[in-house]
């Protein structure tokens, strides 16, 4: 009979333990091994939701797992952002958010999550241009005439927006700074009611995304004065840029980016970015984005590093404007 020493027994137990630990590691499936949830912090059917669903579908094809959209609306997009900031950093919860990621840190002074350091950036997605529009019978036929009218009438003109923190609100702050004149701000509960009153002539001026204004501009129910980007928009080729209209520096777009919880491992961040870049290069995505009056960002701008730099710069851009206006969401 073979005799075993104490040393033999300990060595054998050690080998069994090592084998037991190694097996799960070897058997661990490559990321992703199950569906990924993309949180969109706004209601279904809006511009951000449309962008997110297009990207989710295209990323699913590359990742080999469904990217399932979950709409978590409320509180200006902070509820959905909080959901992802507090999620396990394993790559299975991601966030598709817009320019609000740059304004939330100033607009909301009391949050249950860190709006800046609670996320890993995955890449920029798109930048939607804004358009400066007014009621169709306003007493101006060009951007220069509109600027003169604003300076003349000031707070006797009503500026409509979709609520504090909305893109239309931010565009108004930038406009009033550019013309150095305050108007009376009229906040609404969403773009729809604000647009309805603009079309009816109840309010005077508004600035909103091409996704919300192009149809009204084409129909002639509102008067358009400028697009707030460096280049004209293909969907509205006759509409000059703000610089071409005589108001340089009045530039703003509603950019979208993809995020993961802070601490998500670098290989997972890289894999998600790879799927995003491939989605942005899809011709079908480009066509659908064109229908929305926008385009995918170039691959060079879709990196996590460029995304974070852009985001930080935009936080710095909007902070003084919001603080000067003294309008906070909390």
Protein backbone atom coordinates (compact mmCIF):
# COMPACT_ATOMS: atom_id res chain seq x y z
CA UNK A 1 0.00 0.00 0.00
CA UNK A 2 1.31 3.42 -0.92
CA UNK A 3 2.13 5.64 2.05
CA UNK A 4 1.26 9.39 1.85
CA UNK A 5 3.07 11.97 3.90
CA UNK A 6 1.44 15.14 5.24
CA UNK A 7 3.32 17.06 2.55
CA UNK A 8 1.76 14.89 -0.18
CA UNK A 9 -1.75 15.50 1.16
CA UNK A 10 -1.26 19.28 1.35
CA UNK A 11 0.15 19.35 -2.18
CA UNK A 12 -2.78 17.36 -3.47
CA UNK A 13 -5.35 19.61 -1.82
CA UNK A 14 -3.54 22.67 -3.17
CA UNK A 15 -3.66 21.27 -6.70
CA UNK A 16 -7.38 20.57 -6.40
CA UNK A 17 -8.04 24.10 -5.08
CA UNK A 18 -6.00 25.67 -7.88
CA UNK A 19 -7.82 23.60 -10.47
CA UNK A 20 -11.18 24.64 -9.02
CA UNK A 21 -10.30 28.30 -9.22
CA UNK A 22 -8.92 28.08 -12.71
CA UNK A 23 -11.89 26.29 -14.23
CA UNK A 24 -14.39 29.16 -13.95
CA UNK A 25 -11.81 31.60 -15.29
CA UNK A 26 -11.17 29.38 -18.29
CA UNK A 27 -14.87 28.83 -18.80
CA UNK A 28 -15.76 32.52 -18.51
CA UNK A 29 -17.43 33.69 -21.71
CA UNK A 30 -16.02 36.56 -23.70
CA UNK A 31 -17.76 39.92 -23.40
CA UNK A 32 -20.60 40.34 -24.14
CA UNK A 33 -22.23 37.06 -23.18
CA UNK A 34 -25.75 38.42 -22.62
CA UNK A 35 -27.93 41.39 -23.68
CA UNK A 36 -26.78 44.95 -22.96
CA UNK A 37 -29.19 47.61 -21.70
CA UNK A 38 -28.93 51.06 -23.28
CA UNK A 39 -30.66 53.59 -21.03
CA UNK A 40 -32.11 56.61 -22.81
CA UNK A 41 -33.10 59.20 -20.19
CA UNK A 42 -36.03 60.60 -22.16
CA UNK A 43 -39.42 59.41 -23.36
CA UNK A 44 -39.77 57.17 -26.39
CA UNK A 45 -40.30 58.89 -29.72
CA UNK A 46 -38.12 61.96 -29.19
CA UNK A 47 -34.93 62.86 -31.10
CA UNK A 48 -32.56 61.30 -28.54
CA UNK A 49 -34.64 58.13 -28.43
CA UNK A 50 -34.57 57.89 -32.23
CA UNK A 51 -30.78 58.32 -32.34
CA UNK A 52 -30.30 55.79 -29.56
CA UNK A 53 -32.47 53.10 -31.10
CA UNK A 54 -30.67 53.37 -34.43
CA UNK A 55 -27.28 53.05 -32.73
CA UNK A 56 -28.46 50.22 -30.47
CA UNK A 57 -29.63 48.17 -33.45
CA UNK A 58 -26.38 48.67 -35.35
CA UNK A 59 -24.21 47.89 -32.31
CA UNK A 60 -26.18 44.72 -31.65
CA UNK A 61 -25.12 43.34 -35.01
CA UNK A 62 -21.43 43.85 -34.24
CA UNK A 63 -21.52 42.73 -30.59
CA UNK A 64 -23.49 39.56 -31.29
CA UNK A 65 -25.86 40.34 -28.42
CA UNK A 66 -29.02 42.47 -28.30
CA UNK A 67 -28.61 46.06 -27.14
CA UNK A 68 -31.99 46.64 -25.53
CA UNK A 69 -33.25 50.22 -25.16
CA UNK A 70 -34.82 51.22 -21.85
CA UNK A 71 -36.42 54.67 -21.57
CA UNK A 72 -35.93 56.11 -18.08
CA UNK A 73 -37.29 59.64 -18.40
CA UNK A 74 -37.72 62.39 -15.85
CA UNK A 75 -35.88 65.23 -14.10
CA UNK A 76 -34.21 66.54 -17.24
CA UNK A 77 -32.45 63.28 -18.01
CA UNK A 78 -30.91 62.90 -14.55
CA UNK A 79 -32.95 59.85 -13.51
CA UNK A 80 -31.66 57.74 -16.39
CA UNK A 81 -28.12 59.01 -15.91
CA UNK A 82 -28.31 58.15 -12.21
CA UNK A 83 -29.47 54.63 -13.09
CA UNK A 84 -26.35 54.00 -15.18
CA UNK A 85 -23.94 55.80 -12.82
CA UNK A 86 -25.04 53.42 -10.06
CA UNK A 87 -25.02 50.26 -12.19
CA UNK A 88 -22.42 47.50 -11.98
CA UNK A 89 -19.43 48.55 -14.15
CA UNK A 90 -19.46 45.37 -16.23
CA UNK A 91 -20.46 46.73 -19.65
CA UNK A 92 -24.07 45.60 -19.49
CA UNK A 93 -25.53 49.02 -18.65
CA UNK A 94 -24.73 51.98 -20.92
CA UNK A 95 -26.20 55.46 -21.35
CA UNK A 96 -27.06 57.42 -24.50
CA UNK A 97 -27.39 61.09 -23.51
CA UNK A 98 -27.26 64.47 -25.22
CA UNK A 99 -25.87 67.94 -24.46
CA UNK A 100 -27.58 67.73 -21.06
CA UNK A 101 -24.49 65.87 -19.81
CA UNK A 102 -22.64 69.21 -20.12
CA UNK A 103 -25.32 71.35 -18.44
CA UNK A 104 -26.58 69.04 -15.67
CA UNK A 105 -23.48 69.67 -13.48
CA UNK A 106 -24.48 73.36 -13.27
CA UNK A 107 -28.26 73.22 -13.64
CA UNK A 108 -28.69 70.66 -10.84
CA UNK A 109 -26.93 71.63 -7.63
CA UNK A 110 -28.13 68.61 -5.61
CA UNK A 111 -27.82 65.21 -7.25
CA UNK A 112 -27.65 61.66 -5.90
CA UNK A 113 -24.77 60.82 -8.26
CA UNK A 114 -21.61 62.45 -9.59
CA UNK A 115 -22.59 63.92 -13.00
CA UNK A 116 -18.98 64.28 -14.14
CA UNK A 117 -16.87 61.59 -12.46
CA UNK A 118 -19.53 58.88 -12.43
CA UNK A 119 -18.98 57.78 -16.03
CA UNK A 120 -16.56 56.41 -18.58
CA UNK A 121 -16.92 58.01 -22.02
CA UNK A 122 -17.39 55.60 -24.93
CA UNK A 123 -17.52 58.03 -27.87
CA UNK A 124 -19.48 60.85 -29.49
CA UNK A 125 -22.35 59.85 -31.76
CA UNK A 126 -23.77 62.86 -33.59
CA UNK A 127 -24.33 66.60 -33.42
CA UNK A 128 -27.83 67.83 -34.31
CA UNK A 129 -27.91 71.45 -35.57
CA UNK A 130 -30.24 74.04 -34.08
CA UNK A 131 -32.37 76.50 -36.04
CA UNK A 132 -33.43 80.00 -35.02
CA UNK A 133 -37.10 80.43 -35.91
CA UNK A 134 -39.95 82.84 -35.16
CA UNK A 135 -43.67 83.29 -35.70
CA UNK A 136 -44.28 83.62 -39.40
CA UNK A 137 -45.56 87.23 -39.20
CA UNK A 138 -42.70 88.62 -37.13
CA UNK A 139 -41.45 92.01 -38.22
CA UNK A 140 -38.12 90.80 -39.63
CA UNK A 141 -37.05 89.18 -42.90
CA UNK A 142 -33.40 88.38 -42.17
CA UNK A 143 -31.22 87.50 -39.21
CA UNK A 144 -29.81 91.04 -39.15
CA UNK A 145 -33.32 92.47 -38.97
CA UNK A 146 -34.29 89.98 -36.25
CA UNK A 147 -31.25 90.95 -34.17
CA UNK A 148 -32.17 94.63 -34.57
CA UNK A 149 -35.73 93.85 -33.49
CA UNK A 150 -34.54 91.96 -30.39
CA UNK A 151 -32.28 94.86 -29.40
CA UNK A 152 -35.09 97.33 -29.95
CA UNK A 153 -37.88 95.49 -28.14
CA UNK A 154 -35.93 93.42 -25.60
CA UNK A 155 -38.19 91.95 -22.93
CA UNK A 156 -41.27 92.87 -24.96
CA UNK A 157 -40.38 89.86 -27.12
CA UNK A 158 -41.20 86.37 -25.84
CA UNK A 159 -38.69 83.57 -26.26
CA UNK A 160 -40.24 80.08 -26.00
CA UNK A 161 -38.36 77.00 -24.85
CA UNK A 162 -39.13 73.40 -23.93
CA UNK A 163 -38.20 73.87 -20.26
CA UNK A 164 -35.16 74.69 -18.15
CA UNK A 165 -32.18 72.66 -19.34
CA UNK A 166 -33.73 71.82 -22.72
CA UNK A 167 -31.68 72.50 -25.84
CA UNK A 168 -34.04 75.32 -26.75
CA UNK A 169 -33.43 76.92 -23.35
CA UNK A 170 -29.66 76.74 -23.79
CA UNK A 171 -29.85 78.14 -27.31
CA UNK A 172 -31.85 81.08 -25.95
CA UNK A 173 -29.20 81.83 -23.32
CA UNK A 174 -26.53 81.86 -26.01
CA UNK A 175 -28.67 84.03 -28.30
CA UNK A 176 -29.30 86.64 -25.60
CA UNK A 177 -25.59 86.73 -24.84
CA UNK A 178 -24.73 87.09 -28.54
CA UNK A 179 -27.09 90.06 -29.02
CA UNK A 180 -26.44 91.40 -25.49
CA UNK A 181 -30.16 91.80 -24.86
CA UNK A 182 -32.60 89.94 -22.63
CA UNK A 183 -35.98 88.72 -23.83
CA UNK A 184 -38.86 87.39 -21.76
CA UNK A 185 -38.35 83.64 -21.43
CA UNK A 186 -41.46 81.46 -21.63
CA UNK A 187 -40.73 77.85 -20.54
CA UNK A 188 -43.05 75.03 -21.64
CA UNK A 189 -43.38 71.37 -20.72
CA UNK A 190 -41.77 70.11 -23.89
CA UNK A 191 -41.11 71.14 -27.48
CA UNK A 192 -44.59 70.28 -28.75
CA UNK A 193 -46.54 72.87 -26.70
CA UNK A 194 -43.88 75.52 -27.34
CA UNK A 195 -43.99 74.91 -31.09
CA UNK A 196 -47.79 74.98 -31.11
CA UNK A 197 -47.81 78.45 -29.54
CA UNK A 198 -45.10 79.68 -31.91
CA UNK A 199 -47.13 78.51 -34.90
CA UNK A 200 -50.22 80.19 -33.40
CA UNK A 201 -48.28 83.43 -32.93
CA UNK A 202 -48.70 83.45 -29.15
CA UNK A 203 -44.91 83.67 -28.64
CA UNK A 204 -42.32 85.34 -30.84
CA UNK A 205 -39.04 83.43 -31.10
CA UNK A 206 -37.67 79.96 -30.54
CA UNK A 207 -34.50 77.98 -31.23
CA UNK A 208 -34.63 74.20 -31.50
CA UNK A 209 -33.18 71.13 -33.17
CA UNK A 210 -33.63 70.51 -36.87
CA UNK A 211 -35.34 67.26 -35.88
CA UNK A 212 -38.12 69.39 -34.37
CA UNK A 213 -38.20 72.36 -36.76
CA UNK A 214 -37.50 71.16 -40.31
CA UNK A 215 -41.08 70.11 -41.04
CA UNK A 216 -42.50 73.41 -39.79
CA UNK A 217 -39.92 75.41 -41.75
CA UNK A 218 -40.69 73.56 -44.96
CA UNK A 219 -44.43 73.97 -44.39
CA UNK A 220 -44.04 77.72 -43.90
CA UNK A 221 -45.81 77.72 -40.53
CA UNK A 222 -42.79 79.43 -38.94
CA UNK A 223 -40.13 81.79 -40.28
CA UNK A 224 -36.53 80.53 -40.19
CA UNK A 225 -33.53 82.83 -39.89
CA UNK A 226 -30.40 80.71 -39.38
CA UNK A 227 -28.88 77.35 -38.58
CA UNK A 228 -26.50 77.46 -35.61
CA UNK A 229 -23.61 75.49 -37.09
CA UNK A 230 -20.54 76.33 -39.16
CA UNK A 231 -21.98 74.62 -42.23
CA UNK A 232 -25.42 74.76 -43.80
CA UNK A 233 -27.72 71.80 -43.31
CA UNK A 234 -28.44 69.59 -46.32
CA UNK A 235 -32.10 69.27 -45.34
CA UNK A 236 -32.45 73.10 -45.38
CA UNK A 237 -29.98 74.25 -48.04
CA UNK A 238 -31.39 77.78 -48.36
CA UNK A 239 -31.07 78.55 -44.66
CA UNK A 240 -27.85 80.50 -43.93
CA UNK A 241 -25.61 79.85 -40.97
CA UNK A 242 -25.66 82.35 -38.12
CA UNK A 243 -22.23 83.60 -39.19
CA UNK A 244 -23.42 84.10 -42.76
CA UNK A 245 -26.39 86.00 -41.38
CA UNK A 246 -24.19 88.40 -39.44
CA UNK A 247 -24.09 86.81 -35.97
CA UNK A 248 -20.73 85.00 -35.67
CA UNK A 249 -20.15 83.06 -32.46
CA UNK A 250 -23.78 82.06 -32.13
CA UNK A 251 -23.12 78.37 -32.63
CA UNK A 252 -24.66 75.45 -30.75
CA UNK A 253 -25.59 71.87 -31.56
CA UNK A 254 -27.24 69.08 -29.61
CA UNK A 255 -24.51 66.46 -29.43
CA UNK A 256 -25.04 62.90 -28.27
CA UNK A 257 -22.56 60.58 -26.60
CA UNK A 258 -22.39 57.08 -25.15
CA UNK A 259 -21.34 56.36 -21.55
CA UNK A 260 -20.66 53.47 -19.16
CA UNK A 261 -20.43 53.47 -15.35
CA UNK A 262 -17.15 54.66 -13.85
CA UNK A 263 -14.74 51.78 -13.39
CA UNK A 264 -15.84 49.79 -16.43
CA UNK A 265 -12.73 47.79 -17.45
CA UNK A 266 -10.68 49.24 -20.31
CA UNK A 267 -11.10 46.16 -22.57
CA UNK A 268 -14.90 46.47 -22.30
CA UNK A 269 -14.74 50.21 -22.99
CA UNK A 270 -12.63 49.45 -26.06
CA UNK A 271 -15.05 46.76 -27.26
CA UNK A 272 -18.08 49.03 -26.90
CA UNK A 273 -16.26 51.84 -28.69
CA UNK A 274 -15.34 49.45 -31.51
CA UNK A 275 -19.01 48.55 -31.96
CA UNK A 276 -20.02 52.22 -31.84
CA UNK A 277 -17.48 53.27 -34.48
CA UNK A 278 -18.61 50.46 -36.76
CA UNK A 279 -22.24 51.52 -36.29
CA UNK A 280 -21.40 55.12 -37.18
CA UNK A 281 -19.79 53.95 -40.42
CA UNK A 282 -22.91 52.05 -41.49
CA UNK A 283 -24.48 53.56 -44.62
CA UNK A 284 -27.95 52.83 -43.33
CA UNK A 285 -27.25 54.83 -40.17
CA UNK A 286 -25.96 57.74 -42.26
CA UNK A 287 -29.14 57.76 -44.35
CA UNK A 288 -31.41 57.65 -41.31
CA UNK A 289 -29.41 60.39 -39.58
CA UNK A 290 -29.69 62.53 -42.72
CA UNK A 291 -33.46 62.24 -42.47
CA UNK A 292 -33.11 63.77 -38.99
CA UNK A 293 -31.04 66.66 -40.32
CA UNK A 294 -27.78 65.38 -38.85
CA UNK A 295 -24.88 63.00 -39.55
CA UNK A 296 -22.68 60.55 -37.62
CA UNK A 297 -19.49 62.03 -36.22
CA UNK A 298 -16.24 61.10 -37.95
CA UNK A 299 -14.42 58.08 -36.53
CA UNK A 300 -11.62 60.31 -35.22
CA UNK A 301 -14.14 62.14 -33.01
CA UNK A 302 -15.80 58.96 -31.73
CA UNK A 303 -12.97 57.96 -29.41
CA UNK A 304 -13.43 57.91 -25.61
CA UNK A 305 -10.59 60.43 -25.22
CA UNK A 306 -11.99 63.00 -27.68
CA UNK A 307 -15.46 62.50 -26.22
CA UNK A 308 -14.26 63.33 -22.70
CA UNK A 309 -12.31 66.39 -23.88
CA UNK A 310 -15.32 67.68 -25.81
CA UNK A 311 -17.64 67.05 -22.84
CA UNK A 312 -15.36 68.87 -20.39
CA UNK A 313 -15.04 71.85 -22.75
CA UNK A 314 -18.81 72.07 -23.10
CA UNK A 315 -19.28 72.01 -19.32
CA UNK A 316 -16.93 74.99 -19.13
CA UNK A 317 -18.81 76.74 -21.96
CA UNK A 318 -22.27 76.50 -20.42
CA UNK A 319 -21.45 76.95 -16.73
CA UNK A 320 -21.03 80.76 -16.78
CA UNK A 321 -24.10 81.26 -19.00
CA UNK A 322 -26.32 79.22 -16.69
CA UNK A 323 -24.93 80.83 -13.55
CA UNK A 324 -25.39 84.32 -15.02
CA UNK A 325 -29.01 83.53 -15.92
CA UNK A 326 -29.63 82.29 -12.39
CA UNK A 327 -32.05 79.66 -13.69
CA UNK A 328 -31.54 76.27 -12.04
CA UNK A 329 -33.52 73.06 -12.36
CA UNK A 330 -33.61 72.25 -8.64
